[in-house]
Amino acid sequence: MELSSFGQRFQQESGIDRLMVDLGAAMAMPGEKYMLGGGNPGQVPEVEAYLQQQLAFIANDTKKFRQMVGNYAAPAGETHFRRALAALLSETYGWPLTEENVALVSGSQSGFFMLFNAFAGECEDSSKRHVLLPLTPEYIGYADQGITDDLFTSQRPTIELLDNNQFKYGIDFSALEVTDETAAICVSRPTNPTGNVLTDDEVSQLAALAETHDIPLLIDNAYGLPFPNIIFSEANPIWNENIILSMSLSKLGLPATRTGIIVAKPEVVQLISRMNAIMNLTVSSVGAVMATDMVESGQILKLSKECIQPFYKEKVDQAVEWISEEFEGLNYRIHKPEGALFLWLWFPELSITSQELYQRLTDRGVLVVSGHYFYPGLDEPWDHKDQCLRITYSQDPATVKEGIKRIATEVRSLDTL
């Protein structure tokens, strides 16, 4: 069987595939498991109860049930939800939106596959354009999205050392370069894996830079405002017609529905709609129908602010406290936890690579993610890339606490002091 170049790309091992295969294999191993490596959201009781009620209501309403599972939606996604979301964002932020500015996709990751390859890669004039990631570490899921090689360029961040063994990444605007080969700029806010939240000033500078060069700014808002609002620093959302904002229902509590949301100017929404039609006919309506009443009533904002954000803030504060206790005497730092579901641990004098530390922790039953995966487009050598781990704090407290203790024990056994 001979594959095309497109098929061969998917036959090759990728970082995200390797990660998921490793996690699955580790979970199948005998013995105790401390799952600090996944990205599954925690179960927020109030949100889970609300969604169960919605599902029961829809199941007993023939019209809504058919709307959810019995009929194809438009290629851009379920119209009632798109209209409701456009109205909510317009009322909340003053953005001039209608349903023509909103498209649904089968999860944010598939949306970025469409967007990255629509803007970057090989062009008709045989030139090649790339997506600029102005700040790494960045999401592992971006790395293998291109249907051509070298889709991304990225640069090292500035590092600000803070009190309490913390630090923060920033964009090095003095080194940031947009060229004729730059097709788009992309950031996530908050960032997976680090929990970094770009400041309003950083986002404004990126937006101005993108507008000057007539290229889009893509903002991955899967954890951000206004929902699910897993954000613990001062931040304000931004949108204009030059910005493509990606949102999601996953971290709200509906990861299995695979409902991603693109907010953009109508031309981009039409492009996504046509790609949806070719690839899927349309996208699933399950998540959109379940969330429509929540959006129309504004309950999605109330649940995000009053339930989801405090739920994760309590968890992250507790995890940081446990790390402080268990890591006493170790040479370590934590990226300032500003949002998302993760803590990013940096061991500046780690005597082995983060991949080797990952394997040793797996042998102890602790599943984490090696930091070396999170640098798409950054090919230059940098010791920092092999000194970090991503852990999730979103799971049950006993798992997180014991996992942190075992990480400390393993690192302490190495020559890292």
Protein backbone atom coordinates (compact mmCIF):
# COMPACT_ATOMS: atom_id res chain seq x y z
CA MET A 1 0.00 0.00 0.00
CA GLU A 2 1.54 3.28 -1.11
CA LEU A 3 0.54 6.45 0.69
CA SER A 4 0.48 10.00 -0.62
CA SER A 5 2.67 12.61 1.02
CA PHE A 6 -0.42 13.66 3.00
CA GLY A 7 -0.98 10.11 4.22
CA GLN A 8 2.68 9.66 5.08
CA ARG A 9 2.54 12.66 7.40
CA PHE A 10 -0.09 10.93 9.51
CA GLN A 11 1.75 7.63 9.41
CA GLN A 12 4.71 9.26 11.14
CA GLU A 13 4.87 9.48 14.91
CA SER A 14 3.79 12.84 16.30
CA GLY A 15 4.22 14.40 19.69
CA ILE A 16 0.51 14.49 20.50
CA ASP A 17 0.05 10.88 19.33
CA ARG A 18 3.08 9.69 21.31
CA LEU A 19 1.78 11.47 24.37
CA MET A 20 -1.68 9.91 24.18
CA VAL A 21 -0.31 6.43 23.41
CA ASP A 22 2.11 6.66 26.34
CA LEU A 23 -0.60 7.82 28.72
CA GLY A 24 -2.92 5.03 27.59
CA ALA A 25 -0.20 2.40 27.97
CA ALA A 26 0.77 3.70 31.40
CA MET A 27 -2.81 3.65 32.60
CA ALA A 28 -3.05 -0.01 31.54
CA MET A 29 -0.01 -1.00 33.60
CA PRO A 30 -0.64 -2.75 36.94
CA GLY A 31 -0.22 -0.85 40.20
CA GLU A 32 -1.35 2.48 41.59
CA LYS A 33 -1.71 5.39 39.15
CA TYR A 34 -1.48 9.11 39.82
CA MET A 35 -2.80 10.79 36.71
CA LEU A 36 -1.21 14.23 36.50
CA GLY A 37 -0.62 14.08 32.76
CA GLY A 38 -3.98 14.55 31.07
CA GLY A 39 -5.99 17.60 30.12
CA ASN A 40 -9.42 16.39 31.15
CA PRO A 41 -11.35 19.03 33.11
CA GLY A 42 -12.45 18.37 36.64
CA GLN A 43 -16.07 17.66 37.43
CA VAL A 44 -17.53 20.90 38.80
CA PRO A 45 -20.62 19.75 40.73
CA GLU A 46 -22.87 22.75 39.97
CA VAL A 47 -22.02 22.67 36.25
CA GLU A 48 -22.43 18.92 36.00
CA ALA A 49 -25.86 19.12 37.68
CA TYR A 50 -26.94 21.93 35.34
CA LEU A 51 -25.87 19.98 32.25
CA GLN A 52 -27.64 16.85 33.46
CA GLN A 53 -30.82 18.87 33.88
CA GLN A 54 -30.44 20.31 30.39
CA LEU A 55 -29.94 16.87 28.90
CA ALA A 56 -33.04 15.53 30.66
CA PHE A 57 -35.08 18.53 29.48
CA ILE A 58 -33.94 18.07 25.88
CA ALA A 59 -34.61 14.32 25.97
CA ASN A 60 -38.25 15.06 26.90
CA ASP A 61 -38.72 17.78 24.28
CA THR A 62 -39.20 16.21 20.85
CA LYS A 63 -38.31 19.36 18.92
CA LYS A 64 -35.09 19.98 20.84
CA PHE A 65 -34.17 16.30 20.77
CA ARG A 66 -34.47 16.23 16.99
CA GLN A 67 -32.53 19.48 16.77
CA MET A 68 -29.72 17.91 18.80
CA VAL A 69 -29.42 14.47 17.19
CA GLY A 70 -32.05 14.06 14.45
CA ASN A 71 -31.19 16.75 11.90
CA TYR A 72 -28.11 18.07 10.15
CA ALA A 73 -27.17 21.61 11.15
CA ALA A 74 -25.89 24.18 8.70
CA PRO A 75 -22.22 23.66 7.73
CA ALA A 76 -21.24 26.55 10.04
CA GLY A 77 -22.94 24.79 12.94
CA GLU A 78 -26.21 24.99 14.86
CA THR A 79 -27.75 28.35 14.02
CA HIS A 80 -29.63 29.01 17.28
CA PHE A 81 -26.46 28.58 19.31
CA ARG A 82 -24.40 30.75 16.96
CA ARG A 83 -27.00 33.51 17.12
CA ALA A 84 -27.23 33.30 20.92
CA LEU A 85 -23.44 33.41 21.35
CA ALA A 86 -23.07 36.37 19.00
CA ALA A 87 -25.71 38.24 21.01
CA LEU A 88 -24.03 37.39 24.33
CA LEU A 89 -20.60 38.56 23.18
CA SER A 90 -22.07 41.71 21.64
CA GLU A 91 -23.95 42.59 24.83
CA THR A 92 -21.04 41.75 27.13
CA TYR A 93 -18.16 43.34 25.22
CA GLY A 94 -19.75 45.58 22.61
CA TRP A 95 -18.39 43.55 19.72
CA PRO A 96 -20.47 43.99 16.53
CA LEU A 97 -21.28 40.30 15.98
CA THR A 98 -24.05 38.26 14.37
CA GLU A 99 -24.25 34.53 13.67
CA GLU A 100 -22.31 35.29 10.48
CA ASN A 101 -19.28 35.89 12.73
CA VAL A 102 -19.53 32.48 14.44
CA ALA A 103 -18.68 29.01 13.15
CA LEU A 104 -18.59 25.71 15.02
CA VAL A 105 -15.92 23.07 14.49
CA SER A 106 -15.36 19.54 15.78
CA GLY A 107 -13.21 20.67 18.67
CA SER A 108 -10.74 23.55 18.73
CA GLN A 109 -7.91 21.35 17.51
CA SER A 110 -9.64 20.58 14.22
CA GLY A 111 -10.42 24.29 13.88
CA PHE A 112 -6.74 25.15 14.15
CA PHE A 113 -5.90 22.45 11.60
CA MET A 114 -8.21 24.24 9.18
CA LEU A 115 -6.95 27.72 10.00
CA PHE A 116 -3.23 26.96 10.05
CA ASN A 117 -3.33 25.21 6.70
CA ALA A 118 -5.69 27.77 5.16
CA PHE A 119 -3.27 30.62 5.86
CA ALA A 120 0.18 29.00 5.92
CA GLY A 121 2.13 26.46 3.91
CA GLU A 122 2.87 26.35 0.20
CA CYS A 123 1.32 29.13 -1.89
CA GLU A 124 0.44 29.35 -5.58
CA ASP A 125 3.62 31.31 -6.33
CA SER A 126 5.67 28.45 -4.79
CA SER A 127 6.56 30.55 -1.76
CA LYS A 128 6.10 29.11 1.70
CA ARG A 129 4.47 30.96 4.57
CA HIS A 130 4.52 30.12 8.26
CA VAL A 131 2.59 30.72 11.47
CA LEU A 132 4.49 32.75 14.05
CA LEU A 133 4.25 31.63 17.67
CA PRO A 134 5.64 34.67 19.52
CA LEU A 135 5.88 32.84 22.84
CA THR A 136 6.99 29.30 23.59
CA PRO A 137 6.38 26.93 25.38
CA GLU A 138 3.11 26.56 23.49
CA TYR A 139 0.42 23.92 23.02
CA ILE A 140 1.70 20.48 21.95
CA GLY A 141 -1.34 19.98 19.71
CA TYR A 142 -0.16 22.67 17.30
CA ALA A 143 3.13 20.98 16.46
CA ASP A 144 1.97 18.46 13.86
CA GLN A 145 -0.99 20.33 12.39
CA GLY A 146 0.70 21.30 9.14
CA ILE A 147 0.22 19.33 5.93
CA THR A 148 3.66 20.64 4.98
CA ASP A 149 6.87 20.70 6.96
CA ASP A 150 8.08 23.63 9.04
CA LEU A 151 4.71 25.32 9.36
CA PHE A 152 5.75 27.20 12.50
CA THR A 153 8.43 29.59 13.61
CA SER A 154 8.68 30.61 17.23
CA GLN A 155 10.97 32.35 19.65
CA ARG A 156 12.22 32.03 23.19
CA PRO A 157 10.42 34.04 25.87
CA THR A 158 11.75 36.46 28.40
CA ILE A 159 11.84 34.96 31.91
CA GLU A 160 11.02 37.07 34.96
CA LEU A 161 12.01 35.49 38.28
CA LEU A 162 9.42 36.08 40.99
CA ASP A 163 9.12 35.49 44.72
CA ASN A 164 8.02 32.16 46.21
CA ASN A 165 9.94 30.07 43.67
CA GLN A 166 7.79 31.35 40.81
CA PHE A 167 8.61 32.83 37.41
CA LYS A 168 6.73 34.22 34.41
CA TYR A 169 7.29 34.06 30.66
CA GLY A 170 6.84 37.15 28.50
CA ILE A 171 7.01 38.00 24.81
CA ASP A 172 10.38 39.37 23.75
CA PHE A 173 9.09 42.09 21.44
CA SER A 174 12.64 43.34 20.82
CA ALA A 175 13.38 40.08 18.99
CA LEU A 176 9.95 39.49 17.43
CA GLU A 177 10.16 39.55 13.65
CA VAL A 178 7.28 39.51 11.19
CA THR A 179 8.40 38.96 7.60
CA ASP A 180 6.78 38.51 4.19
CA GLU A 181 6.73 34.78 4.97
CA THR A 182 4.61 35.26 8.10
CA ALA A 183 1.04 34.19 7.34
CA ALA A 184 -0.46 34.59 10.82
CA ILE A 185 0.39 35.07 14.48
CA CYS A 186 -0.98 32.59 17.03
CA VAL A 187 -1.10 32.60 20.84
CA SER A 188 -3.07 30.75 23.50
CA ARG A 189 -4.46 32.67 26.49
CA PRO A 190 -4.24 31.13 29.06
CA THR A 191 -1.43 29.00 27.71
CA ASN A 192 -1.32 25.24 27.77
CA PRO A 193 1.14 24.05 29.20
CA THR A 194 2.33 26.88 31.45
CA GLY A 195 -0.79 28.63 32.74
CA ASN A 196 0.66 31.90 31.44
CA VAL A 197 -1.83 34.67 30.62
CA LEU A 198 -0.58 37.26 28.18
CA THR A 199 -1.10 40.77 29.53
CA ASP A 200 -3.59 43.10 27.86
CA ASP A 201 -0.62 45.14 26.66
CA GLU A 202 1.05 42.11 25.06
CA VAL A 203 -2.15 41.18 23.24
CA SER A 204 -2.67 44.77 22.08
CA GLN A 205 0.87 44.91 20.71
CA LEU A 206 0.37 41.64 18.85
CA ALA A 207 -2.97 42.84 17.45
CA ALA A 208 -1.36 46.06 16.22
CA LEU A 209 1.55 44.15 14.69
CA ALA A 210 -0.80 41.76 12.89
CA GLU A 211 -2.93 44.62 11.58
CA THR A 212 0.14 46.51 10.34
CA HIS A 213 1.23 43.48 8.32
CA ASP A 214 -2.33 42.61 7.23
CA ILE A 215 -2.23 39.13 8.73
CA PRO A 216 -4.65 37.55 11.24
CA LEU A 217 -3.98 37.16 14.94
CA LEU A 218 -5.27 33.80 16.16
CA ILE A 219 -6.10 33.62 19.87
CA ASP A 220 -6.78 30.22 21.42
CA ASN A 221 -9.20 31.04 24.22
CA ALA A 222 -10.12 27.48 25.29
CA TYR A 223 -9.62 28.27 29.01
CA GLY A 224 -10.30 31.99 28.96
CA LEU A 225 -12.98 34.66 29.14
CA PRO A 226 -15.93 34.84 29.23
CA PHE A 227 -16.20 31.05 29.60
CA PRO A 228 -15.01 28.81 31.13
CA ASN A 229 -13.12 31.66 32.87
CA ILE A 230 -10.30 29.50 34.25
CA ILE A 231 -8.20 32.60 34.64
CA PHE A 232 -6.74 34.04 37.84
CA SER A 233 -5.04 37.25 36.69
CA GLU A 234 -6.29 40.59 35.42
CA ALA A 235 -7.19 40.15 31.76
CA ASN A 236 -9.69 41.51 29.28
CA PRO A 237 -10.79 39.76 26.08
CA ILE A 238 -10.13 41.46 22.76
CA TRP A 239 -11.63 40.99 19.31
CA ASN A 240 -11.71 42.87 16.04
CA GLU A 241 -12.11 41.79 12.43
CA ASN A 242 -8.40 41.05 12.18
CA ILE A 243 -8.55 38.66 15.15
CA ILE A 244 -9.72 35.06 14.92
CA LEU A 245 -10.85 33.99 18.38
CA SER A 246 -11.16 30.29 19.15
CA MET A 247 -13.38 29.19 22.04
CA SER A 248 -14.56 25.82 23.32
CA LEU A 249 -17.19 24.04 25.38
CA SER A 250 -14.69 21.39 26.53
CA LYS A 251 -13.38 23.02 29.69
CA LEU A 252 -16.88 24.20 30.52
CA GLY A 253 -17.63 20.53 31.18
CA LEU A 254 -18.46 19.12 27.73
CA PRO A 255 -15.14 17.75 26.39
CA ALA A 256 -16.72 14.67 24.79
CA THR A 257 -19.06 16.74 22.60
CA ARG A 258 -16.04 18.17 20.73
CA THR A 259 -17.54 21.63 20.25
CA GLY A 260 -15.07 24.27 19.17
CA ILE A 261 -16.10 27.82 18.30
CA ILE A 262 -14.52 30.27 15.85
CA VAL A 263 -15.35 33.98 16.15
CA ALA A 264 -14.10 35.89 13.11
CA LYS A 265 -15.10 38.13 10.27
CA PRO A 266 -17.72 36.63 7.92
CA GLU A 267 -15.20 35.72 5.20
CA VAL A 268 -13.32 33.47 7.63
CA VAL A 269 -16.54 31.95 8.96
CA GLN A 270 -17.60 31.19 5.39
CA LEU A 271 -14.23 29.51 4.75
CA ILE A 272 -14.64 27.34 7.86
CA SER A 273 -18.22 26.54 6.86
CA ARG A 274 -17.12 25.32 3.42
CA MET A 275 -14.32 23.25 4.92
CA ASN A 276 -16.81 21.72 7.36
CA ALA A 277 -19.11 20.82 4.47
CA ILE A 278 -16.31 19.11 2.57
CA MET A 279 -14.84 17.28 5.56
CA ASN A 280 -17.93 16.51 7.68
CA LEU A 281 -21.08 17.81 5.92
CA THR A 282 -21.56 19.69 9.19
CA VAL A 283 -20.50 19.41 12.84
CA SER A 284 -22.23 17.79 15.80
CA SER A 285 -25.08 19.75 17.35
CA VAL A 286 -25.02 17.94 20.71
CA GLY A 287 -22.86 20.43 22.62
CA ALA A 288 -24.40 23.46 20.95
CA VAL A 289 -28.00 22.45 21.71
CA MET A 290 -27.11 21.57 25.31
CA ALA A 291 -25.50 24.99 25.78
CA THR A 292 -27.95 27.24 23.90
CA ASP A 293 -30.27 27.96 26.83
CA MET A 294 -27.24 28.50 29.05
CA VAL A 295 -25.93 31.12 26.60
CA GLU A 296 -29.30 32.81 25.97
CA SER A 297 -29.96 33.22 29.69
CA GLY A 298 -26.43 34.35 30.51
CA GLN A 299 -26.16 31.41 32.92
CA ILE A 300 -22.93 30.41 31.20
CA LEU A 301 -21.29 33.58 32.53
CA LYS A 302 -22.67 33.09 36.04
CA LEU A 303 -21.55 29.46 36.25
CA SER A 304 -18.11 30.32 34.88
CA LYS A 305 -17.52 33.16 37.33
CA GLU A 306 -19.20 31.78 40.44
CA CYS A 307 -18.53 28.04 40.12
CA ILE A 308 -15.83 27.12 37.58
CA GLN A 309 -13.26 29.80 38.39
CA PRO A 310 -13.43 29.32 42.21
CA PHE A 311 -13.36 25.53 41.78
CA TYR A 312 -10.04 25.66 39.95
CA LYS A 313 -8.60 28.52 42.01
CA GLU A 314 -9.02 26.47 45.18
CA LYS A 315 -7.40 23.47 43.51
CA VAL A 316 -4.42 25.37 42.12
CA ASP A 317 -3.73 27.15 45.41
CA GLN A 318 -3.80 23.82 47.23
CA ALA A 319 -1.47 22.20 44.68
CA VAL A 320 1.02 25.07 44.93
CA GLU A 321 0.97 24.74 48.73
CA TRP A 322 1.69 21.00 48.48
CA ILE A 323 4.56 21.66 46.06
CA SER A 324 6.02 24.25 48.42
CA GLU A 325 5.95 21.72 51.25
CA GLU A 326 7.19 18.67 49.34
CA PHE A 327 9.81 20.47 47.23
CA GLU A 328 11.45 22.23 50.18
CA GLY A 329 15.23 22.27 49.58
CA LEU A 330 15.00 21.46 45.86
CA ASN A 331 16.12 23.82 43.12
CA TYR A 332 12.80 24.38 41.36
CA ARG A 333 10.41 27.05 40.10
CA ILE A 334 6.73 27.08 39.15
CA HIS A 335 5.39 29.27 36.39
CA LYS A 336 3.04 31.77 38.02
CA PRO A 337 -0.35 30.01 37.88
CA GLU A 338 -2.54 32.50 36.04
CA GLY A 339 -5.01 30.15 34.37
CA ALA A 340 -5.75 26.83 32.61
CA LEU A 341 -5.54 23.40 34.28
CA PHE A 342 -1.79 22.97 34.58
CA LEU A 343 1.29 23.75 36.61
CA TRP A 344 4.60 24.12 34.78
CA LEU A 345 7.56 22.96 36.85
CA TRP A 346 11.10 24.09 36.04
CA PHE A 347 14.18 22.35 37.48
CA PRO A 348 17.09 24.62 36.40
CA GLU A 349 19.80 22.12 37.35
CA LEU A 350 18.10 18.89 36.35
CA SER A 351 20.82 16.29 35.78
CA ILE A 352 18.73 14.24 33.33
CA THR A 353 16.35 15.29 30.56
CA SER A 354 12.68 15.93 31.24
CA GLN A 355 11.88 12.93 29.05
CA GLU A 356 14.05 10.71 31.25
CA LEU A 357 12.44 12.17 34.36
CA TYR A 358 9.02 11.49 32.82
CA GLN A 359 9.95 7.82 32.35
CA ARG A 360 11.26 7.49 35.89
CA LEU A 361 8.06 9.03 37.25
CA THR A 362 5.98 6.68 35.11
CA ASP A 363 7.81 3.81 36.77
CA ARG A 364 6.66 5.28 40.10
CA GLY A 365 3.06 5.35 38.85
CA VAL A 366 3.01 9.14 38.32
CA LEU A 367 1.88 10.24 34.88
CA VAL A 368 3.10 13.69 33.84
CA VAL A 369 4.09 15.27 30.52
CA SER A 370 7.68 15.96 29.55
CA GLY A 371 8.21 19.63 28.76
CA HIS A 372 10.28 19.04 25.62
CA TYR A 373 7.09 18.49 23.58
CA PHE A 374 5.92 22.10 23.91
CA TYR A 375 8.28 24.02 21.62
CA PRO A 376 6.86 23.81 18.08
CA GLY A 377 8.92 25.86 15.66
CA LEU A 378 11.82 26.41 18.08
CA ASP A 379 14.67 24.32 16.71
CA GLU A 380 17.56 26.13 18.38
CA PRO A 381 19.27 24.38 21.30
CA TRP A 382 18.12 25.60 24.70
CA ASP A 383 18.70 23.70 27.94
CA HIS A 384 15.44 25.04 29.35
CA LYS A 385 13.46 22.82 26.96
CA ASP A 386 14.68 19.72 28.80
CA GLN A 387 14.20 21.04 32.33
CA CYS A 388 10.41 21.34 32.61
CA LEU A 389 7.37 19.19 33.34
CA ARG A 390 3.66 19.82 32.91
CA ILE A 391 1.33 18.49 35.55
CA THR A 392 -2.41 18.90 35.93
CA TYR A 393 -3.94 19.90 39.25
CA SER A 394 -7.57 19.37 38.18
CA GLN A 395 -8.05 15.80 39.39
CA ASP A 396 -9.05 14.57 42.85
CA PRO A 397 -6.97 16.00 45.71
CA ALA A 398 -5.58 12.68 46.94
CA THR A 399 -4.20 11.87 43.49
CA VAL A 400 -2.63 15.30 43.06
CA LYS A 401 -1.11 15.34 46.54
CA GLU A 402 0.45 11.88 46.27
CA GLY A 403 1.64 12.58 42.72
CA ILE A 404 3.41 15.75 43.86
CA LYS A 405 5.01 13.86 46.75
CA ARG A 406 6.35 11.20 44.40
CA ILE A 407 7.72 13.81 41.98
CA ALA A 408 9.60 15.42 44.86
CA THR A 409 10.98 12.06 45.98
CA GLU A 410 12.22 11.25 42.48
CA VAL A 411 13.79 14.64 41.87
CA ARG A 412 15.37 14.60 45.30
CA SER A 413 17.03 11.30 44.38
CA LEU A 414 18.83 13.08 41.52
CA ASP A 415 21.74 15.46 41.75
CA THR A 416 19.64 18.62 41.28
CA LEU A 417 20.58 20.66 44.37
